[in-house]
Amino acid sequence: MPNRTKTLGVVSPIGRGQWAANTTYWKLNIVTTEEWAYIAKKNNVNYQPGVTPNWEECWMPLVRNGASKAEIDAALAAAQAALE
C-alpha cells in the first residue's frame, strides 16, 4: 500500500507578539495590540485588528489586556469551542 500524507496546516494557536504591518498572519495566529489580544480567523496581511475596515473578517478579539484570570480563562474556553 502506498504511503499517503496530508498537510494539515496550522492546527494549534501560535503567539506572534505585537501586530506589525506587512507581516503575513496565518489562521490561529495570536497577536496583541495596546488593548487586546486577537486570534486570526483566516490568513491575512495588513488587516490591523480593531482598526482596518472590515478587520472582523480576519480577526476575533480574544482577551482585553489587563483582564482578570477568570476573563482570560473564559476567552480561551470560547476560542477552543470555536475551533471544535
N, C-alpha and C. Protein backbone atom coordinates (compact mmCIF):
# COMPACT_ATOMS: atom_id res chain seq x y z
N MET A 1 0.85 -1.17 0.00
CA MET A 1 0.00 0.00 0.00
C MET A 1 0.91 1.24 0.00
N PRO A 2 0.64 2.22 -0.87
CA PRO A 2 1.48 3.41 -0.93
C PRO A 2 1.26 4.30 0.29
N ASN A 3 2.34 4.99 0.68
CA ASN A 3 2.22 5.97 1.77
C ASN A 3 1.46 7.18 1.26
N ARG A 4 0.57 7.66 2.06
CA ARG A 4 -0.17 8.87 1.71
C ARG A 4 -0.06 9.84 2.88
N THR A 5 0.27 11.06 2.56
CA THR A 5 0.35 12.08 3.60
C THR A 5 -0.55 13.23 3.22
N LYS A 6 -0.98 13.95 4.23
CA LYS A 6 -1.81 15.12 4.01
C LYS A 6 -1.29 16.23 4.89
N THR A 7 -1.08 17.39 4.31
CA THR A 7 -0.64 18.54 5.07
C THR A 7 -1.85 19.14 5.77
N LEU A 8 -1.77 19.24 7.09
CA LEU A 8 -2.89 19.75 7.87
C LEU A 8 -2.86 21.26 8.03
N GLY A 9 -1.71 21.88 7.81
CA GLY A 9 -1.60 23.31 8.04
C GLY A 9 -1.50 23.57 9.53
N VAL A 10 -1.89 24.75 9.93
CA VAL A 10 -1.83 25.13 11.34
C VAL A 10 -2.95 24.44 12.09
N VAL A 11 -2.63 23.75 13.15
CA VAL A 11 -3.65 23.02 13.92
C VAL A 11 -3.71 23.48 15.37
N SER A 12 -2.92 24.49 15.71
CA SER A 12 -2.85 24.97 17.08
C SER A 12 -2.59 26.47 17.06
N PRO A 13 -3.15 27.22 18.02
CA PRO A 13 -2.84 28.65 18.11
C PRO A 13 -1.34 28.88 18.32
N ILE A 14 -0.83 29.95 17.69
CA ILE A 14 0.58 30.30 17.80
C ILE A 14 0.68 31.78 18.12
N GLY A 15 1.31 32.12 19.22
CA GLY A 15 1.52 33.51 19.59
C GLY A 15 2.53 34.17 18.68
N ARG A 16 2.22 35.36 18.16
CA ARG A 16 3.11 36.07 17.25
C ARG A 16 3.54 37.42 17.80
N GLY A 17 3.15 37.74 19.05
CA GLY A 17 3.57 39.01 19.64
C GLY A 17 2.75 40.18 19.14
N GLN A 18 3.35 41.36 19.17
CA GLN A 18 2.69 42.60 18.76
C GLN A 18 2.38 42.58 17.27
N TRP A 19 1.15 43.01 16.88
CA TRP A 19 0.78 43.07 15.47
C TRP A 19 1.73 44.02 14.75
N ALA A 20 2.12 43.67 13.53
CA ALA A 20 3.00 44.52 12.73
C ALA A 20 2.51 44.55 11.28
N ALA A 21 2.61 45.72 10.66
CA ALA A 21 2.23 45.89 9.26
C ALA A 21 3.15 45.05 8.37
N ASN A 22 2.66 44.70 7.20
CA ASN A 22 3.42 43.96 6.19
C ASN A 22 3.90 42.60 6.67
N THR A 23 3.20 42.02 7.64
CA THR A 23 3.52 40.69 8.15
C THR A 23 2.38 39.75 7.75
N THR A 24 2.72 38.57 7.28
CA THR A 24 1.69 37.58 6.97
C THR A 24 1.31 36.85 8.24
N TYR A 25 0.02 36.87 8.54
CA TYR A 25 -0.51 36.14 9.68
C TYR A 25 -1.37 35.01 9.15
N TRP A 26 -1.26 33.85 9.78
CA TRP A 26 -1.97 32.66 9.38
C TRP A 26 -3.11 32.41 10.35
N LYS A 27 -4.11 31.68 9.88
CA LYS A 27 -5.23 31.29 10.73
C LYS A 27 -4.68 30.72 12.04
N LEU A 28 -5.25 31.13 13.15
CA LEU A 28 -4.91 30.73 14.51
C LEU A 28 -3.69 31.44 15.08
N ASN A 29 -3.09 32.38 14.35
CA ASN A 29 -2.04 33.20 14.95
C ASN A 29 -2.69 34.14 15.95
N ILE A 30 -2.00 34.39 17.06
CA ILE A 30 -2.48 35.31 18.08
C ILE A 30 -1.54 36.51 18.11
N VAL A 31 -2.12 37.71 18.07
CA VAL A 31 -1.33 38.94 18.14
C VAL A 31 -1.89 39.83 19.25
N THR A 32 -1.07 40.77 19.67
CA THR A 32 -1.52 41.74 20.67
C THR A 32 -1.46 43.14 20.09
N THR A 33 -2.30 44.01 20.63
CA THR A 33 -2.24 45.45 20.37
C THR A 33 -2.17 46.09 21.75
N GLU A 34 -2.29 47.39 21.82
CA GLU A 34 -2.22 48.04 23.13
C GLU A 34 -3.35 47.62 24.05
N GLU A 35 -4.51 47.27 23.48
CA GLU A 35 -5.66 47.00 24.34
C GLU A 35 -6.17 45.57 24.32
N TRP A 36 -5.87 44.79 23.28
CA TRP A 36 -6.46 43.47 23.14
C TRP A 36 -5.46 42.46 22.59
N ALA A 37 -5.79 41.20 22.79
CA ALA A 37 -5.16 40.11 22.06
C ALA A 37 -6.23 39.59 21.10
N TYR A 38 -5.81 39.25 19.88
CA TYR A 38 -6.72 38.78 18.84
C TYR A 38 -6.21 37.47 18.28
N ILE A 39 -7.13 36.63 17.79
CA ILE A 39 -6.77 35.40 17.12
C ILE A 39 -7.26 35.48 15.67
N ALA A 40 -6.40 35.08 14.73
CA ALA A 40 -6.73 35.17 13.31
C ALA A 40 -7.76 34.11 12.93
N LYS A 41 -8.81 34.54 12.24
CA LYS A 41 -9.83 33.62 11.74
C LYS A 41 -9.46 33.08 10.37
N LYS A 42 -8.58 33.81 9.66
CA LYS A 42 -8.09 33.36 8.35
C LYS A 42 -6.77 34.05 8.07
N ASN A 43 -6.05 33.58 7.08
CA ASN A 43 -4.77 34.18 6.70
C ASN A 43 -5.01 35.61 6.25
N ASN A 44 -4.06 36.51 6.60
CA ASN A 44 -4.22 37.91 6.21
C ASN A 44 -2.90 38.66 6.30
N VAL A 45 -2.86 39.79 5.60
CA VAL A 45 -1.74 40.73 5.64
C VAL A 45 -2.34 42.13 5.71
N ASN A 46 -1.83 42.96 6.59
CA ASN A 46 -2.22 44.36 6.73
C ASN A 46 -3.67 44.59 7.14
N TYR A 47 -4.31 43.61 7.79
CA TYR A 47 -5.60 43.83 8.42
C TYR A 47 -5.34 44.05 9.89
N GLN A 48 -5.18 45.31 10.28
CA GLN A 48 -4.87 45.61 11.67
C GLN A 48 -6.12 45.41 12.51
N PRO A 49 -6.05 44.49 13.48
CA PRO A 49 -7.24 44.22 14.28
C PRO A 49 -7.70 45.46 15.04
N GLY A 50 -9.00 45.69 14.97
CA GLY A 50 -9.60 46.82 15.66
C GLY A 50 -9.48 48.14 14.92
N VAL A 51 -8.78 48.17 13.78
CA VAL A 51 -8.52 49.43 13.08
C VAL A 51 -8.95 49.37 11.61
N THR A 52 -8.39 48.44 10.85
CA THR A 52 -8.66 48.34 9.41
C THR A 52 -10.14 48.09 9.18
N PRO A 53 -10.75 48.79 8.20
CA PRO A 53 -12.15 48.48 7.89
C PRO A 53 -12.32 46.98 7.60
N ASN A 54 -13.38 46.43 8.12
CA ASN A 54 -13.71 45.00 7.96
C ASN A 54 -12.69 44.06 8.61
N TRP A 55 -11.97 44.54 9.60
CA TRP A 55 -10.97 43.71 10.28
C TRP A 55 -11.59 42.47 10.89
N GLU A 56 -12.89 42.53 11.22
CA GLU A 56 -13.57 41.39 11.85
C GLU A 56 -13.62 40.17 10.95
N GLU A 57 -13.42 40.35 9.64
CA GLU A 57 -13.38 39.21 8.72
C GLU A 57 -12.15 38.34 9.00
N CYS A 58 -11.09 38.96 9.51
CA CYS A 58 -9.82 38.26 9.70
C CYS A 58 -9.48 37.97 11.16
N TRP A 59 -10.01 38.75 12.07
CA TRP A 59 -9.60 38.65 13.48
C TRP A 59 -10.80 38.52 14.40
N MET A 60 -10.59 37.81 15.51
CA MET A 60 -11.58 37.72 16.57
C MET A 60 -10.90 38.19 17.86
N PRO A 61 -11.51 39.16 18.56
CA PRO A 61 -10.93 39.56 19.85
C PRO A 61 -10.87 38.35 20.77
N LEU A 62 -9.75 38.20 21.42
CA LEU A 62 -9.57 37.05 22.30
C LEU A 62 -9.70 37.48 23.75
N VAL A 63 -8.94 38.48 24.14
CA VAL A 63 -8.99 38.94 25.53
C VAL A 63 -8.43 40.36 25.61
N ARG A 64 -8.99 41.13 26.52
CA ARG A 64 -8.55 42.51 26.75
C ARG A 64 -7.28 42.49 27.58
N ASN A 65 -6.28 43.28 27.21
CA ASN A 65 -5.07 43.38 28.02
C ASN A 65 -5.43 43.88 29.41
N GLY A 66 -4.85 43.27 30.42
CA GLY A 66 -5.16 43.61 31.80
C GLY A 66 -6.37 42.87 32.33
N ALA A 67 -6.87 41.90 31.57
CA ALA A 67 -8.04 41.13 32.00
C ALA A 67 -7.68 40.25 33.20
N SER A 68 -8.70 39.92 33.98
CA SER A 68 -8.50 39.04 35.13
C SER A 68 -8.28 37.61 34.64
N LYS A 69 -7.79 36.75 35.52
CA LYS A 69 -7.59 35.35 35.17
C LYS A 69 -8.90 34.70 34.73
N ALA A 70 -10.00 35.03 35.40
CA ALA A 70 -11.30 34.46 35.03
C ALA A 70 -11.70 34.89 33.62
N GLU A 71 -11.45 36.16 33.25
CA GLU A 71 -11.76 36.63 31.90
C GLU A 71 -10.89 35.93 30.85
N ILE A 72 -9.63 35.74 31.17
CA ILE A 72 -8.71 35.05 30.26
C ILE A 72 -9.14 33.60 30.07
N ASP A 73 -9.46 32.92 31.18
CA ASP A 73 -9.90 31.52 31.09
C ASP A 73 -11.16 31.40 30.25
N ALA A 74 -12.10 32.32 30.42
CA ALA A 74 -13.35 32.30 29.65
C ALA A 74 -13.07 32.54 28.17
N ALA A 75 -12.17 33.47 27.86
CA ALA A 75 -11.83 33.76 26.47
C ALA A 75 -11.16 32.56 25.82
N LEU A 76 -10.25 31.91 26.51
CA LEU A 76 -9.58 30.72 25.97
C LEU A 76 -10.58 29.59 25.74
N ALA A 77 -11.51 29.42 26.67
CA ALA A 77 -12.53 28.38 26.50
C ALA A 77 -13.40 28.66 25.28
N ALA A 78 -13.76 29.93 25.08
CA ALA A 78 -14.57 30.31 23.93
C ALA A 78 -13.81 30.08 22.62
N ALA A 79 -12.51 30.41 22.62
CA ALA A 79 -11.70 30.18 21.42
C ALA A 79 -11.59 28.68 21.12
N GLN A 80 -11.40 27.89 22.16
CA GLN A 80 -11.31 26.44 21.95
C GLN A 80 -12.63 25.89 21.41
N ALA A 81 -13.74 26.36 21.94
CA ALA A 81 -15.04 25.92 21.46
C ALA A 81 -15.25 26.31 20.00
N ALA A 82 -14.76 27.48 19.62
CA ALA A 82 -14.91 27.94 18.23
C ALA A 82 -14.10 27.06 17.27
N LEU A 83 -13.03 26.46 17.77
CA LEU A 83 -12.19 25.60 16.92
C LEU A 83 -12.80 24.22 16.73
N GLU A 84 -13.69 23.82 17.60
CA GLU A 84 -14.26 22.45 17.55
C GLU A 84 -15.42 22.33 16.63
